[in-house]
Protein backbone atom coordinates (compact mmCIF):
# COMPACT_ATOMS: atom_id res chain seq x y z
CA MET A 1 55.29 -127.87 -81.21
CA THR A 2 55.14 -127.62 -85.01
CA VAL A 3 51.92 -128.93 -86.51
CA ALA A 4 51.21 -129.73 -90.13
CA ASN A 5 50.35 -126.73 -92.30
CA ARG A 6 46.98 -128.27 -93.15
CA MET A 7 45.83 -127.56 -89.60
CA ASN A 8 45.78 -123.85 -90.46
CA ASN A 9 42.94 -124.56 -92.88
CA LEU A 10 40.72 -126.19 -90.27
CA GLY A 11 38.01 -124.04 -88.72
CA THR A 12 35.71 -124.78 -85.81
CA GLU A 13 32.07 -124.75 -84.75
CA THR A 14 31.49 -121.66 -82.63
CA ALA A 15 28.40 -123.13 -80.96
CA PHE A 16 30.58 -125.41 -78.86
CA GLU A 17 32.91 -122.55 -77.92
CA VAL A 18 30.01 -120.39 -76.75
CA LEU A 19 28.50 -123.35 -74.92
CA ALA A 20 31.76 -123.78 -73.00
CA LYS A 21 31.78 -120.08 -72.05
CA ALA A 22 28.15 -120.30 -70.95
CA ARG A 23 28.87 -123.36 -68.81
CA ALA A 24 31.78 -121.52 -67.18
CA LEU A 25 29.47 -118.63 -66.27
CA GLU A 26 26.92 -121.07 -64.87
CA ALA A 27 29.65 -122.59 -62.73
CA GLN A 28 30.09 -119.11 -61.25
CA GLY A 29 26.42 -118.99 -60.32
CA ARG A 30 25.09 -117.09 -63.37
CA ASN A 31 21.73 -118.01 -64.89
CA ILE A 32 22.15 -118.51 -68.66
CA VAL A 33 19.44 -119.12 -71.26
CA HIS A 34 20.91 -121.40 -73.90
CA LEU A 35 19.95 -120.41 -77.43
CA GLU A 36 23.33 -121.24 -78.95
CA ILE A 37 23.50 -124.99 -79.37
CA GLY A 38 21.73 -126.75 -82.23
CA GLU A 39 20.17 -129.79 -80.65
CA PRO A 40 16.59 -130.69 -79.75
CA ASP A 41 15.89 -130.33 -76.03
CA PHE A 42 13.63 -133.40 -76.12
CA ASP A 43 14.54 -136.84 -74.85
CA THR A 44 15.08 -139.63 -77.36
CA PRO A 45 11.68 -141.39 -77.74
CA GLY A 46 11.27 -144.34 -75.39
CA HIS A 47 10.76 -147.00 -78.04
CA ILE A 48 14.15 -146.11 -79.55
CA VAL A 49 15.87 -146.27 -76.15
CA ASP A 50 14.22 -149.63 -75.47
CA ALA A 51 15.52 -150.96 -78.79
CA ALA A 52 19.07 -149.91 -77.84
CA ILE A 53 18.81 -151.62 -74.44
CA LYS A 54 17.56 -154.80 -76.11
CA ALA A 55 20.41 -154.63 -78.63
CA LEU A 56 22.95 -154.33 -75.82
CA ARG A 57 21.47 -157.33 -74.08
CA ASP A 58 21.37 -159.25 -77.36
CA GLY A 59 25.11 -158.77 -77.81
CA TYR A 60 25.32 -155.91 -80.30
CA THR A 61 28.50 -154.68 -78.61
CA HIS A 62 31.06 -155.65 -81.26
CA TYR A 63 32.44 -154.26 -84.50
CA GLY A 64 30.14 -154.16 -87.48
CA PRO A 65 30.79 -153.61 -91.21
CA SER A 66 32.36 -150.23 -92.02
CA ALA A 67 29.42 -149.26 -94.23
CA GLY A 68 26.89 -150.16 -91.54
CA LEU A 69 24.80 -153.12 -90.44
CA PRO A 70 23.01 -154.64 -93.47
CA GLU A 71 19.63 -154.46 -91.76
CA LEU A 72 20.01 -150.73 -91.04
CA ARG A 73 21.24 -150.00 -94.55
CA GLN A 74 18.11 -151.72 -95.86
CA SER A 75 15.88 -149.74 -93.49
CA ILE A 76 17.54 -146.48 -94.56
CA ALA A 77 17.17 -147.39 -98.23
CA ASN A 78 13.47 -148.06 -97.70
CA ASN A 79 13.04 -144.77 -95.86
CA VAL A 80 14.87 -142.74 -98.50
CA SER A 81 12.82 -144.41 -101.24
CA ASN A 82 9.58 -143.60 -99.45
CA THR A 83 10.40 -140.03 -98.40
CA ARG A 84 12.03 -138.90 -101.66
CA GLY A 85 10.09 -141.01 -104.12
CA ILE A 86 13.25 -142.46 -105.66
CA GLU A 87 14.61 -145.97 -105.93
CA MET A 88 17.36 -146.41 -103.35
CA SER A 89 19.27 -149.64 -102.82
CA PRO A 90 20.98 -150.56 -99.52
CA ASP A 91 24.36 -150.99 -101.23
CA ARG A 92 24.39 -147.23 -101.83
CA VAL A 93 24.06 -146.43 -98.10
CA VAL A 94 26.98 -145.76 -95.74
CA VAL A 95 26.36 -145.35 -92.00
CA THR A 96 28.76 -143.22 -89.92
CA PRO A 97 29.15 -142.00 -86.31
CA GLY A 98 27.26 -138.74 -86.79
CA ALA A 99 26.63 -137.00 -90.11
CA LYS A 100 29.79 -134.87 -90.22
CA PRO A 101 31.89 -137.75 -91.57
CA ILE A 102 29.59 -137.82 -94.61
CA MET A 103 30.59 -134.20 -95.32
CA PHE A 104 34.25 -134.91 -94.74
CA TYR A 105 34.41 -138.14 -96.74
CA THR A 106 32.47 -136.68 -99.67
CA ILE A 107 34.66 -133.60 -99.99
CA LEU A 108 37.82 -135.63 -99.40
CA ALA A 109 36.85 -138.15 -102.07
CA LEU A 110 35.73 -135.66 -104.73
CA ALA A 111 37.55 -132.34 -104.32
CA GLN A 112 41.26 -131.69 -104.47
CA GLU A 113 43.67 -128.79 -104.93
CA GLY A 114 42.54 -126.60 -107.81
CA ASP A 115 38.90 -127.70 -107.57
CA GLU A 116 36.11 -125.40 -106.42
CA VAL A 117 33.20 -126.25 -104.14
CA LEU A 118 30.09 -124.04 -104.10
CA TYR A 119 28.28 -123.75 -100.80
CA PRO A 120 25.60 -121.46 -99.30
CA ASN A 121 26.73 -118.57 -97.14
CA PRO A 122 25.87 -117.99 -94.33
CA SER A 123 25.79 -121.72 -93.61
CA PHE A 124 26.96 -124.49 -91.31
CA PRO A 125 30.62 -123.53 -90.72
CA ILE A 126 32.01 -127.04 -91.14
CA TYR A 127 31.33 -126.90 -94.89
CA GLU A 128 33.93 -124.21 -95.48
CA SER A 129 36.29 -125.68 -92.90
CA MET A 130 36.35 -129.09 -94.56
CA ILE A 131 36.61 -127.67 -98.09
CA ARG A 132 39.73 -125.74 -97.07
CA PHE A 133 41.18 -128.66 -95.14
CA CYS A 134 40.82 -130.94 -98.16
CA GLY A 135 42.74 -128.43 -100.29
CA ALA A 136 39.90 -127.22 -102.51
CA LYS A 137 38.65 -123.64 -102.86
CA PRO A 138 35.39 -122.71 -101.09
CA VAL A 139 33.12 -120.54 -103.24
CA PRO A 140 30.32 -118.91 -101.20
CA VAL A 141 26.87 -118.35 -102.70
CA ARG A 142 24.88 -115.63 -100.99
CA LEU A 143 21.51 -116.08 -99.31
CA LEU A 144 19.00 -113.26 -99.83
CA GLU A 145 17.53 -111.83 -96.63
CA ASP A 146 14.73 -110.08 -98.51
CA GLU A 147 13.74 -113.46 -99.96
CA GLY A 148 13.62 -115.23 -96.62
CA TYR A 149 17.27 -116.27 -96.92
CA HIS A 150 16.73 -118.30 -100.05
CA LEU A 151 19.70 -118.97 -102.31
CA ASP A 152 20.64 -116.24 -104.78
CA LEU A 153 20.26 -118.25 -107.98
CA GLU A 154 21.87 -115.55 -110.12
CA ASP A 155 24.91 -115.58 -107.84
CA PHE A 156 24.90 -119.38 -107.99
CA ALA A 157 24.81 -119.43 -111.80
CA SER A 158 27.61 -116.86 -112.06
CA LYS A 159 29.93 -118.90 -109.82
CA ILE A 160 29.70 -122.23 -111.62
CA SER A 161 32.97 -122.65 -113.48
CA ASP A 162 35.09 -125.29 -115.19
CA LYS A 163 36.75 -125.81 -111.80
CA THR A 164 33.50 -126.57 -109.98
CA LYS A 165 33.62 -130.13 -108.69
CA LEU A 166 30.99 -130.18 -105.95
CA VAL A 167 27.94 -128.18 -104.88
CA ILE A 168 26.67 -128.24 -101.30
CA LEU A 169 22.98 -127.62 -100.68
CA ASN A 170 21.21 -127.49 -97.32
CA SER A 171 17.44 -127.53 -96.87
CA PRO A 172 15.98 -126.85 -94.36
CA GLN A 173 18.92 -124.58 -93.78
CA ASN A 174 21.16 -123.85 -90.82
CA PRO A 175 21.36 -121.03 -89.66
CA ALA A 176 18.46 -119.31 -91.42
CA GLY A 177 15.71 -121.94 -91.46
CA CYS A 178 14.80 -121.47 -95.12
CA VAL A 179 13.39 -124.37 -97.15
CA THR A 180 14.39 -124.61 -100.79
CA SER A 181 11.24 -124.96 -102.89
CA ARG A 182 10.70 -127.51 -105.63
CA ALA A 183 10.89 -124.74 -108.24
CA GLU A 184 14.21 -123.47 -106.85
CA THR A 185 15.61 -126.99 -106.66
CA GLU A 186 14.60 -127.67 -110.26
CA ALA A 187 16.24 -124.39 -111.31
CA ILE A 188 19.48 -125.52 -109.66
CA GLY A 189 19.13 -128.85 -111.44
CA ARG A 190 18.80 -127.08 -114.80
CA LEU A 191 21.95 -125.06 -114.12
CA LEU A 192 23.84 -128.29 -113.46
CA GLN A 193 22.17 -130.35 -116.17
CA GLU A 194 25.02 -130.11 -118.66
CA ARG A 195 27.74 -130.56 -116.03
CA ASP A 196 27.76 -134.30 -115.46
CA ASP A 197 31.16 -133.97 -113.77
CA VAL A 198 29.68 -131.89 -110.91
CA PHE A 199 28.26 -133.72 -107.89
CA VAL A 200 25.87 -132.40 -105.24
CA LEU A 201 26.11 -132.96 -101.50
CA SER A 202 22.55 -132.40 -100.31
CA ASP A 203 22.46 -131.88 -96.53
CA GLU A 204 18.94 -132.93 -95.55
CA ILE A 205 19.48 -133.48 -91.83
CA TYR A 206 16.49 -131.21 -90.95
CA LYS A 207 14.14 -132.68 -93.57
CA ASP A 208 11.52 -133.74 -90.99
CA ILE A 209 11.35 -130.31 -89.36
CA ILE A 210 9.31 -128.34 -91.90
CA TYR A 211 6.34 -126.19 -90.92
CA HIS A 212 4.53 -125.89 -94.24
CA GLY A 213 4.65 -128.06 -97.35
CA GLU A 214 6.94 -131.02 -97.95
CA HIS A 215 10.63 -131.65 -98.36
CA PHE A 216 11.89 -131.86 -101.94
CA SER A 217 15.35 -133.28 -102.63
CA ILE A 218 17.47 -132.55 -105.67
CA SER A 219 17.89 -136.33 -105.88
CA GLN A 220 14.28 -136.43 -107.06
CA ILE A 221 15.25 -134.73 -110.30
CA PRO A 222 15.91 -137.61 -112.76
CA HIS A 223 19.24 -136.43 -114.19
CA MET A 224 20.53 -135.53 -110.71
CA GLU A 225 19.79 -138.79 -108.87
CA ASP A 226 23.09 -140.43 -109.85
CA ARG A 227 25.09 -137.30 -109.00
CA THR A 228 23.60 -136.56 -105.59
CA ILE A 229 24.93 -137.57 -102.20
CA ILE A 230 22.17 -137.30 -99.59
CA LEU A 231 23.39 -136.49 -96.08
CA ASP A 232 20.96 -137.37 -93.31
CA GLY A 233 20.92 -138.80 -89.81
CA PHE A 234 19.08 -139.31 -86.56
CA SER A 235 20.29 -136.41 -84.38
CA LYS A 236 17.67 -133.79 -85.24
CA SER A 237 14.55 -135.76 -86.17
CA TYR A 238 14.74 -138.19 -83.28
CA ALA A 239 16.58 -136.11 -80.63
CA MET A 240 19.55 -138.48 -80.85
CA THR A 241 22.47 -136.01 -80.95
CA GLY A 242 24.48 -137.94 -78.35
CA TRP A 243 23.98 -141.26 -80.13
CA ARG A 244 26.28 -140.07 -82.95
CA LEU A 245 24.65 -141.71 -85.93
CA GLY A 246 24.33 -140.41 -89.46
CA TYR A 247 24.32 -141.75 -92.99
CA GLY A 248 24.80 -140.87 -96.60
CA THR A 249 23.48 -142.28 -99.86
CA PHE A 250 26.01 -142.25 -102.69
CA PRO A 251 26.37 -142.99 -106.37
CA LEU A 252 27.35 -146.65 -106.46
CA GLN A 253 30.84 -145.97 -107.81
CA LEU A 254 31.63 -143.86 -104.73
CA VAL A 255 30.52 -146.28 -102.01
CA ASP A 256 33.71 -148.36 -101.80
CA HIS A 257 35.81 -145.19 -101.53
CA ILE A 258 33.62 -143.78 -98.77
CA ALA A 259 33.60 -147.09 -96.89
CA LYS A 260 37.39 -147.19 -97.14
CA LEU A 261 37.63 -143.72 -95.61
CA SER A 262 35.37 -144.90 -92.81
CA THR A 263 37.53 -147.97 -92.22
CA ASN A 264 40.65 -145.81 -92.00
CA SER A 265 39.15 -143.24 -89.64
CA VAL A 266 36.36 -144.56 -87.41
CA SER A 267 36.12 -148.30 -88.28
CA CYS A 268 32.33 -148.33 -87.91
CA ALA A 269 29.38 -146.86 -86.04
CA ALA A 270 28.26 -148.44 -82.76
CA SER A 271 26.23 -151.59 -83.45
CA PHE A 272 23.63 -151.14 -80.70
CA SER A 273 22.98 -147.55 -81.85
CA GLN A 274 22.35 -148.86 -85.34
CA ARG A 275 19.82 -151.36 -84.06
CA ALA A 276 18.04 -148.51 -82.25
CA ALA A 277 18.08 -146.49 -85.48
CA ILE A 278 16.03 -149.18 -87.20
CA GLN A 279 13.35 -148.68 -84.59
CA ALA A 280 13.59 -144.90 -85.11
CA LEU A 281 12.84 -145.28 -88.82
CA GLU A 282 10.31 -148.09 -88.62
CA GLY A 283 8.59 -147.34 -85.30
CA SER A 284 6.07 -144.64 -84.40
CA GLN A 285 6.72 -141.23 -85.94
CA GLN A 286 4.32 -139.49 -83.55
CA PRO A 287 7.14 -138.16 -81.31
CA VAL A 288 8.63 -136.46 -84.37
CA LYS A 289 5.29 -134.86 -85.24
CA ASP A 290 4.81 -133.71 -81.64
CA MET A 291 8.29 -132.19 -81.55
CA VAL A 292 7.75 -130.31 -84.80
CA SER A 293 4.43 -128.99 -83.51
CA GLU A 294 6.15 -127.62 -80.41
CA PHE A 295 8.95 -126.13 -82.50
CA ARG A 296 6.33 -124.33 -84.60
CA ALA A 297 4.85 -122.74 -81.48
CA ARG A 298 8.31 -121.71 -80.29
CA ARG A 299 9.13 -120.28 -83.71
CA ASP A 300 6.05 -118.08 -83.65
CA LEU A 301 6.90 -116.94 -80.12
CA ILE A 302 10.52 -116.01 -80.80
CA VAL A 303 9.87 -114.36 -84.18
CA GLN A 304 7.15 -112.14 -82.72
CA GLY A 305 9.29 -111.25 -79.72
CA LEU A 306 12.36 -110.37 -81.78
CA ARG A 307 10.32 -108.19 -84.13
CA GLU A 308 9.20 -106.15 -81.13
CA ILE A 309 12.79 -105.25 -80.22
CA PRO A 310 13.81 -101.94 -81.86
CA GLY A 311 16.56 -102.42 -84.43
CA ILE A 312 15.94 -106.13 -84.97
CA SER A 313 14.18 -107.62 -87.99
CA CYS A 314 13.47 -111.33 -88.28
CA PRO A 315 12.19 -113.34 -91.26
CA GLU A 316 10.04 -116.32 -90.34
CA PRO A 317 11.88 -119.66 -90.63
CA GLU A 318 10.24 -122.32 -92.77
CA GLY A 319 12.05 -125.24 -91.15
CA ALA A 320 14.74 -126.40 -88.69
CA PHE A 321 14.77 -124.66 -85.27
CA TYR A 322 16.78 -121.47 -85.77
CA VAL A 323 16.07 -117.80 -86.35
CA PHE A 324 18.63 -115.56 -88.04
CA PRO A 325 17.56 -111.99 -87.27
CA SER A 326 19.28 -108.91 -88.64
CA ILE A 327 20.70 -106.69 -85.88
CA LYS A 328 22.19 -104.09 -88.22
CA GLU A 329 19.85 -101.32 -87.07
CA THR A 330 20.88 -101.76 -83.44
CA GLY A 331 24.38 -100.54 -84.25
CA ILE A 332 25.87 -103.54 -82.44
CA SER A 333 28.25 -105.77 -84.36
CA SER A 334 27.52 -109.49 -84.56
CA ARG A 335 30.52 -110.45 -82.44
CA ASP A 336 29.82 -107.75 -79.86
CA PHE A 337 26.18 -108.86 -79.69
CA GLN A 338 27.22 -112.45 -79.06
CA GLU A 339 29.63 -111.50 -76.28
CA GLY A 340 27.42 -108.79 -74.75
CA ALA A 341 24.24 -110.86 -74.76
CA LEU A 342 26.08 -113.65 -72.96
CA ASN A 343 28.06 -111.66 -70.41
CA GLU A 344 25.60 -108.83 -69.75
CA ALA A 345 22.20 -110.41 -70.39
CA GLY A 346 22.83 -114.08 -69.74
CA VAL A 347 21.64 -115.20 -73.19
CA ALA A 348 23.87 -117.50 -75.21
CA SER A 349 23.63 -116.84 -78.96
CA LEU A 350 25.92 -117.03 -81.98
CA ALA A 351 27.31 -114.22 -84.11
CA GLY A 352 26.26 -114.43 -87.73
CA THR A 353 29.92 -114.27 -88.72
CA ALA A 354 30.31 -117.77 -87.26
CA PHE A 355 28.44 -118.93 -90.37
CA GLY A 356 30.53 -117.13 -92.96
CA GLU A 357 31.42 -113.76 -94.41
CA TYR A 358 27.83 -112.95 -95.42
CA GLY A 359 26.65 -113.45 -91.83
CA ASP A 360 27.94 -110.10 -90.63
CA GLY A 361 25.10 -108.06 -89.12
CA TYR A 362 23.10 -111.08 -87.97
CA ILE A 363 22.87 -113.49 -85.03
CA ARG A 364 21.60 -117.03 -84.78
CA LEU A 365 19.28 -118.12 -82.01
CA SER A 366 18.21 -121.71 -81.54
CA TYR A 367 14.67 -122.08 -80.22
CA ALA A 368 15.34 -125.63 -79.05
CA ASN A 369 14.45 -124.51 -75.55
CA SER A 370 11.23 -124.19 -73.56
CA GLN A 371 8.73 -121.43 -74.28
CA GLU A 372 9.27 -120.16 -70.74
CA ASN A 373 13.00 -119.82 -71.31
CA ILE A 374 12.48 -118.22 -74.71
CA LYS A 375 10.23 -115.56 -73.13
CA GLU A 376 12.89 -114.90 -70.52
CA ALA A 377 15.58 -114.63 -73.20
CA LEU A 378 13.47 -112.16 -75.20
CA GLU A 379 13.03 -109.92 -72.17
CA ARG A 380 16.75 -110.00 -71.46
CA LEU A 381 17.65 -109.25 -75.07
CA ALA A 382 15.20 -106.35 -75.21
CA ASP A 383 16.83 -104.85 -72.08
CA PHE A 384 20.31 -105.46 -73.47
CA VAL A 385 19.56 -103.71 -76.78
CA GLU A 386 17.86 -100.82 -75.00
CA LYS A 387 20.83 -100.27 -72.68
CA ARG A 388 23.26 -100.40 -75.58
CA SER A 389 21.23 -97.83 -77.54
CA ASN A 390 21.29 -95.26 -74.72
C-alpha cells in the first residue's frame, strides 16, 4: 500500500504505546504499576454521571450544532469569564470531542507551509506532530531544568521571526508540571505585543490542578485577548477522559472556520455528554478540590522517593500530575530506562524523548495512581537503578 506523503509527518503519543505493552505483560500474568498514562484514576463525580443519564432519558441522543449545544457554550463562556477575569461570549466557544481537535483545527486554520510555530520542548508530543502534519515548521523553545522547567524566555525571544504565525503555551505543563507565572506570562505578552499577526494557542487543560497560587492566562493580558485561543476541556479536572469532551475559545473571526473543520471531520460532540458537562461546570466543585488535594499528597510522596534514588534528581511540580526527573546521573538512557523499568521492574513510564528532542536524559511518571502503588513503584525503580549500576 502507498499512503500519502503527509502521513510521514504524523507522530504518535507514546503513552498509548507503552500502555499497550504493559497490558500485554499483564495478560501474561505480570504485575505492572501504571505510571505512564495521563488520566486521573478517579471516577467521574456522581452528579455529572446522573446528569448524563438524565440527558439520555430526555432524548439527547441526536446530532447537535457543530460548534456545540448553545446552553453548554453559554456555560463555558460564563466559566471562562469567571476563571480568567475576561469577557467571553458564547459565540466564541467551539465544543469538540476531546481537546485534541482544538489543537488540530487551530494549527490547520492558521499555519501553512513556510510558517513557523513556536512550542515548548519537552512538551505534549501532539503539538509537534500536528505542526508537521499541517505543513508548518515546528520551532522548539527549551524548558530550563534549573528553573523548575520554566520556559527559557531568552530562547523564546530569539526564535520569534517574521515567519512566526502561532505560539503554543501550556500551563500547567505536560510533562514537567511547571506553572507559568503571571510575570512570565506578561513577559511573553510584551515580546508579542508588536506582532499582531501572531496568535497564541494557550493549552490550559490542567488549569484546575495547581498546588500553590492561581492560574493566569495570557488571554488576561489586554492586547492578547483577541489573539489567544484557549484550549480547555473536562478530561483532567473532572476525571472525564473517556467522555471525550473539550472546547476552545477563539477570536470571533476564526469561529466559523473552526466550526467548518468540525463539521467536516467529527460533525459534533455527543449531546448527552455536553449536557453532563454543564453540570460539571455549574455543579459542586468539591470533587475537583478533593482530587487536587490527593494529587498534592502523591506529588510529595513521589518527589521525595525519587530524590532518594541515587542518580535521579527531581524538581517539584507546581501543577498537573506528572514528575519529570533527570536520570542522567544513572547512566541509563531515557529509552533504555523506559523499556527496562517496564520489562525488568514492572513499572510503566515514558522516556523523556517521547516529549521532544530536549527530553533526552529524563523520564515522565504520572502520579495518577494510588499512594500504595506509587510506593511500590518507587521500591521497584530503586532496585532497578541499583542493579543497572552494578
